[in-house]
PDB file of N, CA and C in Angstrom:
ATOM      1  N   MET A   1      20.229  31.506 -42.610  1.00  0.00           N
ATOM      2  CA  MET A   1      21.034  31.727 -41.116  1.00  0.00           C
ATOM      3  C   MET A   1      20.507  30.861 -40.258  1.00  0.00           C
ATOM      4  N   VAL A   2      20.955  29.526 -40.307  1.00  0.00           N
ATOM      5  CA  VAL A   2      20.543  28.713 -38.816  1.00  0.00           C
ATOM      6  C   VAL A   2      20.665  29.034 -37.422  1.00  0.00           C
ATOM      7  N   LEU A   3      19.938  29.240 -36.682  1.00  0.00           N
ATOM      8  CA  LEU A   3      20.448  29.813 -35.109  1.00  0.00           C
ATOM      9  C   LEU A   3      20.460  28.443 -34.943  1.00  0.00           C
ATOM     10  N   ASN A   4      21.209  28.191 -34.069  1.00  0.00           N
ATOM     11  CA  ASN A   4      20.907  26.962 -33.409  1.00  0.00           C
ATOM     12  C   ASN A   4      21.358  27.228 -31.833  1.00  0.00           C
ATOM     13  N   LEU A   5      20.020  27.132 -31.035  1.00  0.00           N
ATOM     14  CA  LEU A   5      20.841  27.323 -30.040  1.00  0.00           C
ATOM     15  C   LEU A   5      21.402  26.146 -29.247  1.00  0.00           C
ATOM     16  N   ASP A   6      21.181  25.106 -29.899  1.00  0.00           N
ATOM     17  CA  ASP A   6      21.613  23.783 -28.654  1.00  0.00           C
ATOM     18  C   ASP A   6      23.336  23.586 -29.059  1.00  0.00           C
ATOM     19  N   LYS A   7      23.789  24.553 -30.012  1.00  0.00           N
ATOM     20  CA  LYS A   7      25.041  24.532 -30.022  1.00  0.00           C
ATOM     21  C   LYS A   7      25.966  25.029 -28.869  1.00  0.00           C
ATOM     22  N   LEU A   8      24.801  25.889 -28.145  1.00  0.00           N
ATOM     23  CA  LEU A   8      25.356  26.670 -26.633  1.00  0.00           C
ATOM     24  C   LEU A   8      25.402  25.373 -25.657  1.00  0.00           C
ATOM     25  N   LYS A   9      24.784  24.466 -26.396  1.00  0.00           N
ATOM     26  CA  LYS A   9      25.181  23.344 -24.820  1.00  0.00           C
ATOM     27  C   LYS A   9      24.470  23.808 -23.305  1.00  0.00           C
ATOM     28  N   LEU A  10      23.263  24.387 -23.632  1.00  0.00           N
ATOM     29  CA  LEU A  10      23.016  24.575 -22.249  1.00  0.00           C
ATOM     30  C   LEU A  10      21.614  24.175 -21.018  1.00  0.00           C
ATOM     31  N   ASP A  11      21.816  23.425 -20.377  1.00  0.00           N
ATOM     32  CA  ASP A  11      21.035  22.538 -20.306  1.00  0.00           C
ATOM     33  C   ASP A  11      21.249  23.181 -18.505  1.00  0.00           C
ATOM     34  N   CYS A  12      19.301  23.512 -18.309  1.00  0.00           N
ATOM     35  CA  CYS A  12      19.135  24.440 -16.579  1.00  0.00           C
ATOM     36  C   CYS A  12      19.396  23.153 -15.357  1.00  0.00           C
ATOM     37  N   LYS A  13      19.349  21.598 -16.361  1.00  0.00           N
ATOM     38  CA  LYS A  13      18.938  20.607 -15.194  1.00  0.00           C
ATOM     39  C   LYS A  13      20.231  20.094 -14.913  1.00  0.00           C
ATOM     40  N   THR A  14      21.725  20.740 -15.765  1.00  0.00           N
ATOM     41  CA  THR A  14      22.277  19.557 -15.848  1.00  0.00           C
ATOM     42  C   THR A  14      24.281  21.179 -15.070  1.00  0.00           C
ATOM     43  N   CYS A  15      23.575  22.074 -15.039  1.00  0.00           N
ATOM     44  CA  CYS A  15      24.074  23.091 -14.855  1.00  0.00           C
ATOM     45  C   CYS A  15      24.598  22.679 -13.175  1.00  0.00           C
ATOM     46  N   THR A  16      25.952  23.085 -12.560  1.00  0.00           N
ATOM     47  CA  THR A  16      26.322  22.849 -11.522  1.00  0.00           C
ATOM     48  C   THR A  16      25.932  24.895 -11.084  1.00  0.00           C
ATOM     49  N   LYS A  17      25.851  24.539  -9.395  1.00  0.00           N
ATOM     50  CA  LYS A  17      26.039  25.804  -8.789  1.00  0.00           C
ATOM     51  C   LYS A  17      26.939  26.525  -9.584  1.00  0.00           C
ATOM     52  N   GLU A  18      28.184  26.472  -9.474  1.00  0.00           N
ATOM     53  CA  GLU A  18      29.315  27.091 -10.060  1.00  0.00           C
ATOM     54  C   GLU A  18      28.263  27.688 -11.418  1.00  0.00           C
ATOM     55  N   GLN A  19      28.515  27.224 -12.714  1.00  0.00           N
ATOM     56  CA  GLN A  19      27.660  27.268 -13.603  1.00  0.00           C
ATOM     57  C   GLN A  19      26.676  27.536 -13.667  1.00  0.00           C
ATOM     58  N   LYS A  20      25.963  27.707 -12.623  1.00  0.00           N
ATOM     59  CA  LYS A  20      24.864  28.783 -13.046  1.00  0.00           C
ATOM     60  C   LYS A  20      25.852  30.167 -12.079  1.00  0.00           C
ATOM     61  N   GLU A  21      25.798  30.270 -11.683  1.00  0.00           N
ATOM     62  CA  GLU A  21      26.705  31.528 -10.948  1.00  0.00           C
ATOM     63  C   GLU A  21      27.383  32.555 -12.338  1.00  0.00           C
ATOM     64  N   ASP A  22      28.374  31.437 -12.646  1.00  0.00           N
ATOM     65  CA  ASP A  22      29.422  31.806 -14.209  1.00  0.00           C
ATOM     66  C   ASP A  22      27.784  32.376 -15.267  1.00  0.00           C
ATOM     67  N   ARG A  23      27.551  31.860 -15.415  1.00  0.00           N
ATOM     68  CA  ARG A  23      26.471  31.962 -16.400  1.00  0.00           C
ATOM     69  C   ARG A  23      25.492  32.503 -16.689  1.00  0.00           C
ATOM     70  N   GLY A  24      24.966  32.907 -15.483  1.00  0.00           N
ATOM     71  CA  GLY A  24      23.920  33.721 -14.828  1.00  0.00           C
ATOM     72  C   GLY A  24      22.303  33.477 -14.878  1.00  0.00           C
ATOM     73  N   CYS A  25      22.274  32.214 -14.285  1.00  0.00           N
ATOM     74  CA  CYS A  25      20.996  31.186 -13.864  1.00  0.00           C
ATOM     75  C   CYS A  25      20.205  31.757 -13.374  1.00  0.00           C
ATOM     76  N   THR A  26      20.188  32.581 -12.372  1.00  0.00           N
ATOM     77  CA  THR A  26      19.008  32.880 -11.135  1.00  0.00           C
ATOM     78  C   THR A  26      19.293  34.548 -10.847  1.00  0.00           C
ATOM     79  N   GLU A  27      20.583  34.876 -10.930  1.00  0.00           N
ATOM     80  CA  GLU A  27      21.214  36.116 -10.507  1.00  0.00           C
ATOM     81  C   GLU A  27      21.616  36.295 -11.761  1.00  0.00           C
ATOM     82  N   ASP A  28      21.760  37.862 -12.433  1.00  0.00           N
ATOM     83  CA  ASP A  28      23.249  38.468 -13.135  1.00  0.00           C
ATOM     84  C   ASP A  28      24.588  37.062 -12.873  1.00  0.00           C
ATOM     85  N   SER A  29      24.979  37.205 -13.953  1.00  0.00           N
ATOM     86  CA  SER A  29      26.494  36.275 -14.260  1.00  0.00           C
ATOM     87  C   SER A  29      27.431  37.087 -12.946  1.00  0.00           C
ATOM     88  N   ILE A  30      28.908  36.395 -12.232  1.00  0.00           N
ATOM     89  CA  ILE A  30      29.256  37.672 -11.747  1.00  0.00           C
ATOM     90  C   ILE A  30      30.566  38.099 -13.154  1.00  0.00           C
ATOM     91  N   ILE A  31      30.389  37.196 -14.322  1.00  0.00           N
ATOM     92  CA  ILE A  31      31.567  37.719 -14.688  1.00  0.00           C
ATOM     93  C   ILE A  31      30.674  38.998 -15.719  1.00  0.00           C
ATOM     94  N   PRO A  32      30.935  40.245 -16.114  1.00  0.00           N
ATOM     95  CA  PRO A  32      30.156  41.420 -16.325  1.00  0.00           C
ATOM     96  C   PRO A  32      31.025  40.910 -18.205  1.00  0.00           C
ATOM     97  N   GLY A  33      29.460  41.282 -18.487  1.00  0.00           N
ATOM     98  CA  GLY A  33      29.052  41.306 -20.277  1.00  0.00           C
ATOM     99  C   GLY A  33      29.385  39.798 -21.198  1.00  0.00           C
ATOM    100  N   ARG A  34      28.950  38.982 -19.855  1.00  0.00           N
ATOM    101  CA  ARG A  34      29.146  37.151 -19.910  1.00  0.00           C
ATOM    102  C   ARG A  34      28.771  36.980 -21.178  1.00  0.00           C
ATOM    103  N   TRP A  35      27.284  37.032 -21.753  1.00  0.00           N
ATOM    104  CA  TRP A  35      27.033  37.046 -22.963  1.00  0.00           C
ATOM    105  C   TRP A  35      26.780  38.213 -24.164  1.00  0.00           C
ATOM    106  N   GLN A  36      27.234  37.707 -24.877  1.00  0.00           N
ATOM    107  CA  GLN A  36      26.699  39.109 -26.021  1.00  0.00           C
ATOM    108  C   GLN A  36      26.843  38.447 -27.273  1.00  0.00           C
ATOM    109  N   ILE A  37      25.776  39.350 -28.209  1.00  0.00           N
ATOM    110  CA  ILE A  37      25.320  38.827 -29.136  1.00  0.00           C
ATOM    111  C   ILE A  37      24.713  40.394 -30.345  1.00  0.00           C
ATOM    112  N   GLY A  38      25.726  39.776 -31.016  1.00  0.00           N
ATOM    113  CA  GLY A  38      26.139  40.874 -31.701  1.00  0.00           C
ATOM    114  C   GLY A  38      26.641  42.401 -31.000  1.00  0.00           C
ATOM    115  N   ASP A  39      25.817  43.423 -30.770  1.00  0.00           N
ATOM    116  CA  ASP A  39      26.049  44.245 -30.021  1.00  0.00           C
ATOM    117  C   ASP A  39      25.362  44.399 -28.730  1.00  0.00           C
ATOM    118  N   GLU A  40      24.531  43.212 -28.544  1.00  0.00           N
ATOM    119  CA  GLU A  40      23.903  43.349 -26.974  1.00  0.00           C
ATOM    120  C   GLU A  40      24.281  42.720 -26.586  1.00  0.00           C
ATOM    121  N   LYS A  41      25.076  43.687 -25.037  1.00  0.00           N
ATOM    122  CA  LYS A  41      25.503  42.103 -23.687  1.00  0.00           C
ATOM    123  C   LYS A  41      24.093  41.785 -23.079  1.00  0.00           C
ATOM    124  N   PHE A  42      24.498  40.793 -22.230  1.00  0.00           N
ATOM    125  CA  PHE A  42      23.579  40.052 -21.610  1.00  0.00           C
ATOM    126  C   PHE A  42      24.236  39.866 -20.488  1.00  0.00           C
ATOM    127  N   GLU A  43      23.817  39.750 -18.993  1.00  0.00           N
ATOM    128  CA  GLU A  43      24.093  39.366 -17.682  1.00  0.00           C
ATOM    129  C   GLU A  43      23.497  38.229 -16.941  1.00  0.00           C
ATOM    130  N   ARG A  44      22.279  38.038 -17.910  1.00  0.00           N
ATOM    131  CA  ARG A  44      22.000  36.324 -17.368  1.00  0.00           C
ATOM    132  C   ARG A  44      21.706  34.991 -18.778  1.00  0.00           C
ATOM    133  N   CYS A  45      22.140  34.278 -18.619  1.00  0.00           N
ATOM    134  CA  CYS A  45      22.408  33.523 -19.624  1.00  0.00           C
ATOM    135  C   CYS A  45      20.984  33.127 -20.701  1.00  0.00           C
ATOM    136  N   PRO A  46      21.070  32.947 -22.188  1.00  0.00           N
ATOM    137  CA  PRO A  46      20.004  32.962 -23.035  1.00  0.00           C
ATOM    138  C   PRO A  46      18.945  32.561 -22.718  1.00  0.00           C
ATOM    139  N   ILE A  47      18.904  31.144 -22.060  1.00  0.00           N
ATOM    140  CA  ILE A  47      18.467  30.278 -21.946  1.00  0.00           C
ATOM    141  C   ILE A  47      16.678  31.391 -21.200  1.00  0.00           C
ATOM    142  N   GLU A  48      16.957  31.825 -20.169  1.00  0.00           N
ATOM    143  CA  GLU A  48      16.391  32.857 -19.109  1.00  0.00           C
ATOM    144  C   GLU A  48      15.338  33.760 -20.197  1.00  0.00           C
ATOM    145  N   TYR A  49      15.411  33.736 -21.265  1.00  0.00           N
ATOM    146  CA  TYR A  49      14.946  34.880 -22.163  1.00  0.00           C
ATOM    147  C   TYR A  49      14.072  34.368 -23.340  1.00  0.00           C
ATOM    148  N   ILE A  50      14.325  32.939 -23.246  1.00  0.00           N
ATOM    149  CA  ILE A  50      13.275  32.379 -24.408  1.00  0.00           C
ATOM    150  C   ILE A  50      12.232  31.354 -23.843  1.00  0.00           C
ATOM    151  N   ASN A  51      11.318  32.003 -24.238  1.00  0.00           N
ATOM    152  CA  ASN A  51      10.027  31.397 -23.729  1.00  0.00           C
ATOM    153  C   ASN A  51       9.512  29.641 -24.951  1.00  0.00           C
ATOM    154  N   SER A  52       9.078  29.163 -24.230  1.00  0.00           N
ATOM    155  CA  SER A  52       8.194  28.614 -25.568  1.00  0.00           C
ATOM    156  C   SER A  52       8.031  29.026 -27.175  1.00  0.00           C
ATOM    157  N   ASP A  53       6.985  29.791 -26.587  1.00  0.00           N
ATOM    158  CA  ASP A  53       6.715  30.704 -28.081  1.00  0.00           C
ATOM    159  C   ASP A  53       7.568  31.230 -28.677  1.00  0.00           C
ATOM    160  N   ILE A  54       9.131  31.992 -28.130  1.00  0.00           N
ATOM    161  CA  ILE A  54      10.168  31.903 -29.002  1.00  0.00           C
ATOM    162  C   ILE A  54      11.109  30.755 -29.649  1.00  0.00           C
ATOM    163  N   TYR A  55      10.822  29.879 -28.681  1.00  0.00           N
ATOM    164  CA  TYR A  55      11.600  28.780 -28.883  1.00  0.00           C
ATOM    165  C   TYR A  55      10.917  28.488 -30.346  1.00  0.00           C
ATOM    166  N   TRP A  56       9.291  27.955 -30.533  1.00  0.00           N
ATOM    167  CA  TRP A  56       9.078  27.852 -31.725  1.00  0.00           C
ATOM    168  C   TRP A  56       9.104  28.757 -32.564  1.00  0.00           C
ATOM    169  N   TYR A  57       8.617  29.955 -32.581  1.00  0.00           N
ATOM    170  CA  TYR A  57       9.747  30.543 -34.053  1.00  0.00           C
ATOM    171  C   TYR A  57      10.787  30.769 -34.089  1.00  0.00           C
ATOM    172  N   ILE A  58      12.269  30.382 -33.480  1.00  0.00           N
ATOM    173  CA  ILE A  58      13.222  30.068 -34.091  1.00  0.00           C
ATOM    174  C   ILE A  58      13.593  28.562 -34.622  1.00  0.00           C
ATOM    175  N   LYS A  59      12.187  27.894 -34.064  1.00  0.00           N
ATOM    176  CA  LYS A  59      12.170  26.358 -35.213  1.00  0.00           C
ATOM    177  C   LYS A  59      11.767  26.623 -36.110  1.00  0.00           C
ATOM    178  N   ALA A  60      10.697  27.788 -36.230  1.00  0.00           N
ATOM    179  CA  ALA A  60      10.264  27.940 -37.439  1.00  0.00           C
ATOM    180  C   ALA A  60      10.440  28.708 -38.237  1.00  0.00           C
ATOM    181  N   TYR A  61      11.593  29.406 -38.058  1.00  0.00           N
ATOM    182  CA  TYR A  61      12.989  30.181 -38.625  1.00  0.00           C
ATOM    183  C   TYR A  61      13.497  29.295 -39.181  1.00  0.00           C
ATOM    184  N   ASN A  62      13.931  28.196 -38.853  1.00  0.00           N
ATOM    185  CA  ASN A  62      15.133  27.611 -39.285  1.00  0.00           C
ATOM    186  C   ASN A  62      14.345  26.801 -40.603  1.00  0.00           C
ATOM    187  N   PHE A  63      13.276  26.115 -40.202  1.00  0.00           N
ATOM    188  CA  PHE A  63      12.116  25.209 -41.530  1.00  0.00           C
ATOM    189  C   PHE A  63      12.306  26.436 -42.597  1.00  0.00           C
ATOM    190  N   MET A  64      11.145  27.274 -42.023  1.00  0.00           N
ATOM    191  CA  MET A  64      11.432  28.288 -42.734  1.00  0.00           C
ATOM    192  C   MET A  64      12.499  28.349 -44.499  1.00  0.00           C
ATOM    193  N   GLU A  65      14.105  28.420 -43.815  1.00  0.00           N
ATOM    194  CA  GLU A  65      14.816  28.945 -44.648  1.00  0.00           C
ATOM    195  C   GLU A  65      15.433  27.670 -45.762  1.00  0.00           C
ATOM    196  N   LYS A  66      14.760  26.465 -44.820  1.00  0.00           N
ATOM    197  CA  LYS A  66      14.808  25.569 -45.775  1.00  0.00           C
ATOM    198  C   LYS A  66      14.005  25.105 -46.510  1.00  0.00           C
ATOM    199  N   GLY A  67      12.664  26.014 -46.553  1.00  0.00           N
ATOM    200  CA  GLY A  67      12.170  26.145 -47.862  1.00  0.00           C
ATOM    201  C   GLY A  67      10.754  24.987 -46.828  1.00  0.00           C
ATOM    202  N   ILE A  68      10.523  25.004 -45.915  1.00  0.00           N
ATOM    203  CA  ILE A  68       9.393  24.061 -44.954  1.00  0.00           C
ATOM    204  C   ILE A  68       8.480  25.173 -44.575  1.00  0.00           C
ATOM    205  N   LEU A  69       7.414  25.719 -44.594  1.00  0.00           N
ATOM    206  CA  LEU A  69       6.408  26.303 -43.884  1.00  0.00           C
ATOM    207  C   LEU A  69       5.375  25.653 -43.165  1.00  0.00           C
ATOM    208  N   PRO A  70       4.546  26.220 -42.007  1.00  0.00           N
ATOM    209  CA  PRO A  70       3.509  25.319 -41.167  1.00  0.00           C
ATOM    210  C   PRO A  70       2.511  24.962 -41.520  1.00  0.00           C
ATOM    211  N   ARG A  71       2.154  25.820 -43.372  1.00  0.00           N
ATOM    212  CA  ARG A  71       1.048  25.491 -43.109  1.00  0.00           C
ATOM    213  C   ARG A  71       0.924  24.691 -45.314  1.00  0.00           C
ATOM    214  N   ASP A  72       0.196  24.515 -45.431  1.00  0.00           N
ATOM    215  CA  ASP A  72       0.087  23.934 -47.113  1.00  0.00           C
ATOM    216  C   ASP A  72       0.167  26.066 -47.437  1.00  0.00           C
ATOM    217  N   GLY A  73       0.787  25.330 -48.829  1.00  0.00           N
ATOM    218  CA  GLY A  73       0.680  26.468 -49.933  1.00  0.00           C
ATOM    219  C   GLY A  73       1.711  27.172 -49.516  1.00  0.00           C
ATOM    220  N   GLY A  74       2.269  28.712 -50.218  1.00  0.00           N
ATOM    221  CA  GLY A  74       3.163  29.852 -50.139  1.00  0.00           C
ATOM    222  C   GLY A  74       3.097  30.863 -49.120  1.00  0.00           C
ATOM    223  N   TRP A  75       3.564  31.635 -49.161  1.00  0.00           N
ATOM    224  CA  TRP A  75       3.748  32.517 -47.794  1.00  0.00           C
ATOM    225  C   TRP A  75       1.869  33.549 -47.628  1.00  0.00           C
ATOM    226  N   MET A  76       1.124  33.226 -48.576  1.00  0.00           N
ATOM    227  CA  MET A  76      -0.197  33.767 -48.612  1.00  0.00           C
ATOM    228  C   MET A  76      -0.764  32.847 -47.689  1.00  0.00           C
ATOM    229  N   ASN A  77      -1.257  31.672 -47.530  1.00  0.00           N
ATOM    230  CA  ASN A  77      -1.808  30.817 -46.949  1.00  0.00           C
ATOM    231  C   ASN A  77      -0.784  30.853 -44.988  1.00  0.00           C
ATOM    232  N   GLN A  78      -0.087  31.061 -44.339  1.00  0.00           N
ATOM    233  CA  GLN A  78       0.486  31.472 -43.277  1.00  0.00           C
ATOM    234  C   GLN A  78      -0.237  32.362 -42.768  1.00  0.00           C
ATOM    235  N   SER A  79       0.036  31.921 -41.462  1.00  0.00           N
ATOM    236  CA  SER A  79      -0.804  32.958 -40.023  1.00  0.00           C
ATOM    237  C   SER A  79      -0.188  34.573 -40.316  1.00  0.00           C
ATOM    238  N   ASN A  80      -1.119  35.161 -39.819  1.00  0.00           N
ATOM    239  CA  ASN A  80      -0.178  36.644 -39.731  1.00  0.00           C
ATOM    240  C   ASN A  80       0.740  36.699 -38.556  1.00  0.00           C
ATOM    241  N   LYS A  81       0.213  36.058 -37.805  1.00  0.00           N
ATOM    242  CA  LYS A  81       1.487  35.863 -36.517  1.00  0.00           C
ATOM    243  C   LYS A  81       2.548  35.268 -36.662  1.00  0.00           C
ATOM    244  N   PHE A  82       2.288  34.045 -37.989  1.00  0.00           N
ATOM    245  CA  PHE A  82       4.066  33.164 -38.198  1.00  0.00           C
ATOM    246  C   PHE A  82       4.298  34.593 -38.997  1.00  0.00           C
ATOM    247  N   ILE A  83       3.895  35.210 -40.119  1.00  0.00           N
ATOM    248  CA  ILE A  83       4.381  35.878 -40.748  1.00  0.00           C
ATOM    249  C   ILE A  83       5.068  36.986 -39.658  1.00  0.00           C
ATOM    250  N   GLU A  84       4.398  37.697 -38.983  1.00  0.00           N
ATOM    251  CA  GLU A  84       5.183  39.028 -37.850  1.00  0.00           C
ATOM    252  C   GLU A  84       6.630  38.536 -37.430  1.00  0.00           C
ATOM    253  N   GLY A  85       6.392  37.009 -36.875  1.00  0.00           N
ATOM    254  CA  GLY A  85       7.291  36.468 -36.086  1.00  0.00           C
ATOM    255  C   GLY A  85       8.549  36.359 -36.925  1.00  0.00           C
ATOM    256  N   ILE A  86       8.424  35.959 -37.751  1.00  0.00           N
ATOM    257  CA  ILE A  86       9.746  35.833 -38.923  1.00  0.00           C
ATOM    258  C   ILE A  86      10.190  36.983 -39.612  1.00  0.00           C
ATOM    259  N   SER A  87       9.181  37.383 -39.543  1.00  0.00           N
ATOM    260  CA  SER A  87       9.727  38.784 -40.370  1.00  0.00           C
ATOM    261  C   SER A  87      10.750  39.828 -38.956  1.00  0.00           C
ATOM    262  N   PHE A  88      10.211  39.704 -38.243  1.00  0.00           N
ATOM    263  CA  PHE A  88      10.591  39.975 -36.756  1.00  0.00           C
ATOM    264  C   PHE A  88      12.614  39.232 -36.596  1.00  0.00           C
ATOM    265  N   ILE A  89      11.985  38.306 -36.239  1.00  0.00           N
ATOM    266  CA  ILE A  89      13.461  37.310 -36.781  1.00  0.00           C
ATOM    267  C   ILE A  89      14.862  37.792 -37.595  1.00  0.00           C
ATOM    268  N   THR A  90      13.855  38.272 -38.751  1.00  0.00           N
ATOM    269  CA  THR A  90      14.976  38.452 -40.007  1.00  0.00           C
ATOM    270  C   THR A  90      15.280  40.083 -39.674  1.00  0.00           C
ATOM    271  N   LYS A  91      14.309  40.917 -39.441  1.00  0.00           N
ATOM    272  CA  LYS A  91      14.829  42.099 -38.968  1.00  0.00           C
ATOM    273  C   LYS A  91      15.994  41.971 -37.950  1.00  0.00           C
ATOM    274  N   GLU A  92      16.182  41.374 -37.114  1.00  0.00           N
ATOM    275  CA  GLU A  92      17.361  41.363 -36.515  1.00  0.00           C
ATOM    276  C   GLU A  92      18.382  40.697 -36.846  1.00  0.00           C
ATOM    277  N   LEU A  93      18.389  39.619 -37.158  1.00  0.00           N
ATOM    278  CA  LEU A  93      19.347  38.893 -37.603  1.00  0.00           C
ATOM    279  C   LEU A  93      19.901  40.257 -38.695  1.00  0.00           C
ATOM    280  N   ASN A  94      18.963  40.243 -39.677  1.00  0.00           N
ATOM    281  CA  ASN A  94      19.990  41.542 -40.641  1.00  0.00           C
ATOM    282  C   ASN A  94      20.311  42.399 -40.163  1.00  0.00           C
ATOM    283  N   HIS A  95      19.912  43.229 -39.007  1.00  0.00           N
ATOM    284  CA  HIS A  95      20.220  44.337 -37.861  1.00  0.00           C
ATOM    285  C   HIS A  95      21.465  43.605 -37.574  1.00  0.00           C
ATOM    286  N   GLY A  96      21.966  42.340 -36.801  1.00  0.00           N
ATOM    287  CA  GLY A  96      22.706  41.554 -36.700  1.00  0.00           C
ATOM    288  C   GLY A  96      24.126  41.822 -37.067  1.00  0.00           C
ATOM    289  N   LYS A  97      23.786  41.562 -38.460  1.00  0.00           N
ATOM    290  CA  LYS A  97      25.064  41.691 -39.934  1.00  0.00           C
ATOM    291  C   LYS A  97      25.758  42.669 -39.696  1.00  0.00           C
ATOM    292  N   LYS A  98      24.908  44.213 -39.786  1.00  0.00           N
ATOM    293  CA  LYS A  98      25.885  45.311 -39.917  1.00  0.00           C
ATOM    294  C   LYS A  98      26.404  45.443 -39.240  1.00  0.00           C
TER     295      LYS A  98
END
């Protein structure tokens, strides 16, 4: 499963004031339950929850799904931080499929 944040087409720099109110960019959205991922509902734009580390892990997960790892070799050559991050994403995706 590829996690594609770009398909949401959320760009804080191009949001109008009305879009920011609707999407919940600076305050909770004026639309209750505006965002839903699986069973989880969010009142804020998903971009508000994604820092650079999380974005890196999502990109790394997408590469891992294609068989591309950050370090040469197999799983034993990857850092523990990478393995833990990918394991967390995989667990959450599997939870969302149930």
